[in-house]
Amino acid sequence: MGKSASVKRGHIPLLVGEGEELKRVLVHRKVLQHPYFTGLLELAAMEFGYDQKGVLRIPCDIRCFQAIVQLIRSRTRRRKKVTVSRLLFLKLM
């Protein structure tokens, strides 16, 4: 994970995954404002607390994360509140 790579303007680097299997991804800043992503941030806060140093880690299976981001992109007009329990259910699938 020691690689330093440039980040496109308007994008945020994240580390997504569980355990040692982490993948570096870039998401547009607007994705972070969506209620679905808020649920992921709540999961991160539950697991790591609010004092994470460095790149933000999201404790979610990468396939599940990609599905959530794709869902956010496809539903930019309709915003629903997603609970942590719903995300945990998706994580278990």
N, C-alpha and C. Protein backbone atom coordinates (compact mmCIF):
# COMPACT_ATOMS: atom_id res chain seq x y z
N MET A 1 0.81 -1.20 0.00
CA MET A 1 0.00 0.00 0.00
C MET A 1 0.85 1.26 0.00
N GLY A 2 2.16 1.13 -0.15
CA GLY A 2 3.04 2.27 -0.07
C GLY A 2 3.08 3.11 -1.33
N LYS A 3 2.34 2.73 -2.34
CA LYS A 3 2.36 3.48 -3.59
C LYS A 3 1.70 4.83 -3.41
N SER A 4 2.29 5.84 -4.00
CA SER A 4 1.70 7.17 -4.00
C SER A 4 1.21 7.44 -5.42
N ALA A 5 -0.06 7.69 -5.54
CA ALA A 5 -0.62 7.94 -6.86
C ALA A 5 -1.41 9.23 -6.82
N SER A 6 -1.46 9.90 -7.94
CA SER A 6 -2.21 11.15 -7.99
C SER A 6 -3.70 10.86 -7.94
N VAL A 7 -4.42 11.82 -7.41
CA VAL A 7 -5.87 11.69 -7.28
C VAL A 7 -6.52 12.74 -8.16
N LYS A 8 -7.47 12.30 -8.98
CA LYS A 8 -8.18 13.23 -9.86
C LYS A 8 -8.93 14.26 -9.03
N ARG A 9 -9.01 15.46 -9.55
CA ARG A 9 -9.72 16.54 -8.88
C ARG A 9 -11.16 16.12 -8.61
N GLY A 10 -11.62 16.36 -7.38
CA GLY A 10 -12.99 16.04 -7.01
C GLY A 10 -13.18 14.61 -6.53
N HIS A 11 -12.11 13.83 -6.47
CA HIS A 11 -12.19 12.44 -6.04
C HIS A 11 -11.50 12.24 -4.69
N ILE A 12 -11.96 11.24 -3.96
CA ILE A 12 -11.44 10.93 -2.64
C ILE A 12 -10.89 9.50 -2.67
N PRO A 13 -9.64 9.30 -2.22
CA PRO A 13 -9.12 7.93 -2.15
C PRO A 13 -9.65 7.21 -0.91
N LEU A 14 -9.97 5.94 -1.06
CA LEU A 14 -10.45 5.11 0.04
C LEU A 14 -9.76 3.76 -0.02
N LEU A 15 -9.67 3.11 1.12
CA LEU A 15 -9.26 1.72 1.18
C LEU A 15 -10.49 0.92 1.54
N VAL A 16 -10.86 -0.03 0.69
CA VAL A 16 -12.08 -0.80 0.88
C VAL A 16 -11.72 -2.26 1.01
N GLY A 17 -12.32 -2.92 1.98
CA GLY A 17 -12.11 -4.34 2.15
C GLY A 17 -12.13 -4.73 3.61
N GLU A 18 -11.91 -6.02 3.82
CA GLU A 18 -11.93 -6.54 5.18
C GLU A 18 -10.63 -7.26 5.46
N GLY A 19 -10.14 -7.14 6.67
CA GLY A 19 -8.89 -7.80 7.02
C GLY A 19 -7.72 -7.21 6.25
N GLU A 20 -6.89 -8.10 5.72
CA GLU A 20 -5.71 -7.66 4.96
C GLU A 20 -6.01 -7.43 3.48
N GLU A 21 -7.19 -7.83 3.03
CA GLU A 21 -7.55 -7.68 1.62
C GLU A 21 -8.18 -6.31 1.38
N LEU A 22 -7.32 -5.32 1.15
CA LEU A 22 -7.78 -3.96 0.92
C LEU A 22 -7.51 -3.55 -0.52
N LYS A 23 -8.44 -2.79 -1.07
CA LYS A 23 -8.27 -2.29 -2.43
C LYS A 23 -8.41 -0.77 -2.38
N ARG A 24 -7.51 -0.08 -3.03
CA ARG A 24 -7.57 1.38 -3.10
C ARG A 24 -8.51 1.77 -4.22
N VAL A 25 -9.49 2.60 -3.89
CA VAL A 25 -10.45 3.06 -4.90
C VAL A 25 -10.60 4.57 -4.79
N LEU A 26 -11.02 5.17 -5.87
CA LEU A 26 -11.31 6.59 -5.89
C LEU A 26 -12.81 6.77 -6.12
N VAL A 27 -13.43 7.61 -5.31
CA VAL A 27 -14.84 7.92 -5.51
C VAL A 27 -14.99 9.43 -5.63
N HIS A 28 -15.95 9.84 -6.42
CA HIS A 28 -16.22 11.27 -6.56
C HIS A 28 -16.79 11.80 -5.26
N ARG A 29 -16.45 13.02 -4.94
CA ARG A 29 -16.88 13.61 -3.66
C ARG A 29 -18.40 13.62 -3.50
N LYS A 30 -19.13 13.70 -4.59
CA LYS A 30 -20.60 13.73 -4.51
C LYS A 30 -21.16 12.40 -4.00
N VAL A 31 -20.46 11.31 -4.25
CA VAL A 31 -20.90 10.00 -3.77
C VAL A 31 -20.95 9.98 -2.24
N LEU A 32 -20.00 10.67 -1.61
CA LEU A 32 -19.93 10.70 -0.15
C LEU A 32 -21.15 11.36 0.49
N GLN A 33 -21.86 12.18 -0.24
CA GLN A 33 -23.02 12.89 0.28
C GLN A 33 -24.30 12.06 0.24
N HIS A 34 -24.27 10.95 -0.45
CA HIS A 34 -25.47 10.13 -0.61
C HIS A 34 -25.76 9.35 0.67
N PRO A 35 -27.05 9.20 1.03
CA PRO A 35 -27.40 8.44 2.24
C PRO A 35 -26.88 7.00 2.26
N TYR A 36 -26.77 6.35 1.11
CA TYR A 36 -26.22 5.00 1.07
C TYR A 36 -24.77 5.01 1.56
N PHE A 37 -24.03 6.01 1.11
CA PHE A 37 -22.63 6.09 1.50
C PHE A 37 -22.49 6.50 2.96
N THR A 38 -23.44 7.29 3.44
CA THR A 38 -23.44 7.65 4.86
C THR A 38 -23.49 6.39 5.72
N GLY A 39 -24.25 5.41 5.28
CA GLY A 39 -24.31 4.14 5.99
C GLY A 39 -22.95 3.45 6.04
N LEU A 40 -22.21 3.52 4.93
CA LEU A 40 -20.86 2.94 4.91
C LEU A 40 -19.93 3.68 5.86
N LEU A 41 -20.07 5.00 5.91
CA LEU A 41 -19.25 5.79 6.83
C LEU A 41 -19.58 5.46 8.28
N GLU A 42 -20.85 5.17 8.56
CA GLU A 42 -21.23 4.76 9.91
C GLU A 42 -20.59 3.42 10.26
N LEU A 43 -20.54 2.50 9.29
CA LEU A 43 -19.86 1.22 9.52
C LEU A 43 -18.38 1.44 9.84
N ALA A 44 -17.75 2.33 9.09
CA ALA A 44 -16.33 2.63 9.32
C ALA A 44 -16.13 3.22 10.72
N ALA A 45 -17.02 4.11 11.13
CA ALA A 45 -16.92 4.71 12.46
C ALA A 45 -17.12 3.66 13.55
N MET A 46 -18.04 2.73 13.33
CA MET A 46 -18.27 1.67 14.32
C MET A 46 -17.04 0.77 14.46
N GLU A 47 -16.38 0.48 13.35
CA GLU A 47 -15.25 -0.43 13.39
C GLU A 47 -13.94 0.25 13.80
N PHE A 48 -13.69 1.46 13.29
CA PHE A 48 -12.40 2.11 13.49
C PHE A 48 -12.45 3.37 14.35
N GLY A 49 -13.65 3.85 14.67
CA GLY A 49 -13.76 5.10 15.42
C GLY A 49 -13.66 6.29 14.48
N TYR A 50 -13.67 7.47 15.07
CA TYR A 50 -13.64 8.69 14.27
C TYR A 50 -12.24 9.27 14.09
N ASP A 51 -11.24 8.60 14.62
CA ASP A 51 -9.88 9.13 14.58
C ASP A 51 -8.98 8.37 13.62
N GLN A 52 -9.50 7.94 12.48
CA GLN A 52 -8.68 7.23 11.50
C GLN A 52 -7.61 8.17 10.97
N LYS A 53 -6.41 7.65 10.85
CA LYS A 53 -5.30 8.42 10.29
C LYS A 53 -5.07 7.96 8.85
N GLY A 54 -4.69 8.89 8.00
CA GLY A 54 -4.39 8.54 6.61
C GLY A 54 -5.64 8.35 5.78
N VAL A 55 -5.56 7.41 4.86
CA VAL A 55 -6.66 7.14 3.93
C VAL A 55 -7.83 6.50 4.68
N LEU A 56 -9.02 6.96 4.41
CA LEU A 56 -10.22 6.44 5.05
C LEU A 56 -10.44 4.98 4.64
N ARG A 57 -10.66 4.12 5.64
CA ARG A 57 -10.94 2.70 5.39
C ARG A 57 -12.42 2.43 5.53
N ILE A 58 -12.96 1.67 4.58
CA ILE A 58 -14.35 1.26 4.61
C ILE A 58 -14.37 -0.26 4.77
N PRO A 59 -14.90 -0.77 5.91
CA PRO A 59 -14.90 -2.22 6.15
C PRO A 59 -16.06 -2.92 5.44
N CYS A 60 -15.88 -3.14 4.17
CA CYS A 60 -16.95 -3.70 3.35
C CYS A 60 -16.32 -4.55 2.26
N ASP A 61 -16.94 -5.66 1.94
CA ASP A 61 -16.49 -6.48 0.82
C ASP A 61 -16.45 -5.60 -0.43
N ILE A 62 -15.39 -5.72 -1.22
CA ILE A 62 -15.22 -4.85 -2.38
C ILE A 62 -16.37 -4.99 -3.38
N ARG A 63 -16.88 -6.21 -3.55
CA ARG A 63 -18.01 -6.39 -4.49
C ARG A 63 -19.26 -5.68 -3.98
N CYS A 64 -19.49 -5.77 -2.69
CA CYS A 64 -20.63 -5.09 -2.09
C CYS A 64 -20.47 -3.57 -2.23
N PHE A 65 -19.25 -3.08 -1.96
CA PHE A 65 -18.97 -1.64 -2.09
C PHE A 65 -19.23 -1.17 -3.52
N GLN A 66 -18.72 -1.92 -4.49
CA GLN A 66 -18.91 -1.53 -5.89
C GLN A 66 -20.38 -1.53 -6.27
N ALA A 67 -21.15 -2.49 -5.74
CA ALA A 67 -22.59 -2.52 -6.01
C ALA A 67 -23.28 -1.31 -5.41
N ILE A 68 -22.88 -0.91 -4.21
CA ILE A 68 -23.49 0.26 -3.57
C ILE A 68 -23.17 1.52 -4.36
N VAL A 69 -21.90 1.68 -4.77
CA VAL A 69 -21.52 2.86 -5.55
C VAL A 69 -22.27 2.88 -6.88
N GLN A 70 -22.41 1.73 -7.51
CA GLN A 70 -23.16 1.67 -8.77
C GLN A 70 -24.62 2.03 -8.55
N LEU A 71 -25.18 1.56 -7.45
CA LEU A 71 -26.56 1.90 -7.11
C LEU A 71 -26.71 3.40 -6.88
N ILE A 72 -25.74 4.00 -6.21
CA ILE A 72 -25.77 5.46 -5.98
C ILE A 72 -25.75 6.18 -7.32
N ARG A 73 -24.89 5.76 -8.20
CA ARG A 73 -24.78 6.42 -9.51
C ARG A 73 -26.06 6.26 -10.33
N SER A 74 -26.74 5.12 -10.19
CA SER A 74 -27.94 4.88 -10.98
C SER A 74 -29.18 5.56 -10.38
N ARG A 75 -29.11 5.91 -9.13
CA ARG A 75 -30.27 6.51 -8.46
C ARG A 75 -29.95 7.90 -7.91
N THR A 76 -29.32 8.72 -8.71
CA THR A 76 -28.92 10.02 -8.21
C THR A 76 -30.10 10.92 -7.89
N ARG A 77 -31.23 10.65 -8.47
CA ARG A 77 -32.39 11.51 -8.21
C ARG A 77 -33.22 11.06 -7.02
N ARG A 78 -33.25 9.74 -6.77
CA ARG A 78 -34.04 9.23 -5.66
C ARG A 78 -33.11 8.87 -4.51
N ARG A 79 -33.29 9.54 -3.38
CA ARG A 79 -32.42 9.30 -2.23
C ARG A 79 -33.24 8.74 -1.08
N LYS A 80 -32.83 7.58 -0.61
CA LYS A 80 -33.48 6.95 0.53
C LYS A 80 -32.46 6.81 1.64
N LYS A 81 -32.93 6.82 2.85
CA LYS A 81 -32.06 6.59 4.00
C LYS A 81 -31.78 5.09 4.11
N VAL A 82 -30.51 4.74 4.18
CA VAL A 82 -30.12 3.36 4.35
C VAL A 82 -29.56 3.20 5.75
N THR A 83 -30.06 2.23 6.47
CA THR A 83 -29.60 2.02 7.84
C THR A 83 -28.38 1.13 7.86
N VAL A 84 -27.66 1.20 8.94
CA VAL A 84 -26.48 0.35 9.12
C VAL A 84 -26.89 -1.11 9.07
N SER A 85 -28.03 -1.44 9.65
CA SER A 85 -28.47 -2.83 9.65
C SER A 85 -28.72 -3.33 8.22
N ARG A 86 -29.22 -2.48 7.35
CA ARG A 86 -29.44 -2.86 5.95
C ARG A 86 -28.10 -3.12 5.26
N LEU A 87 -27.11 -2.27 5.54
CA LEU A 87 -25.79 -2.47 4.95
C LEU A 87 -25.14 -3.74 5.48
N LEU A 88 -25.34 -4.03 6.75
CA LEU A 88 -24.81 -5.26 7.31
C LEU A 88 -25.46 -6.47 6.64
N PHE A 89 -26.75 -6.36 6.35
CA PHE A 89 -27.44 -7.44 5.65
C PHE A 89 -26.83 -7.63 4.27
N LEU A 90 -26.61 -6.52 3.55
CA LEU A 90 -25.99 -6.61 2.22
C LEU A 90 -24.59 -7.21 2.31
N LYS A 91 -23.88 -6.86 3.38
CA LYS A 91 -22.52 -7.35 3.58
C LYS A 91 -22.49 -8.86 3.77
N LEU A 92 -23.55 -9.40 4.41
CA LEU A 92 -23.62 -10.82 4.68
C LEU A 92 -24.03 -11.63 3.46
N MET A 93 -24.61 -11.01 2.47
CA MET A 93 -25.08 -11.72 1.28
C MET A 93 -23.93 -12.20 0.43
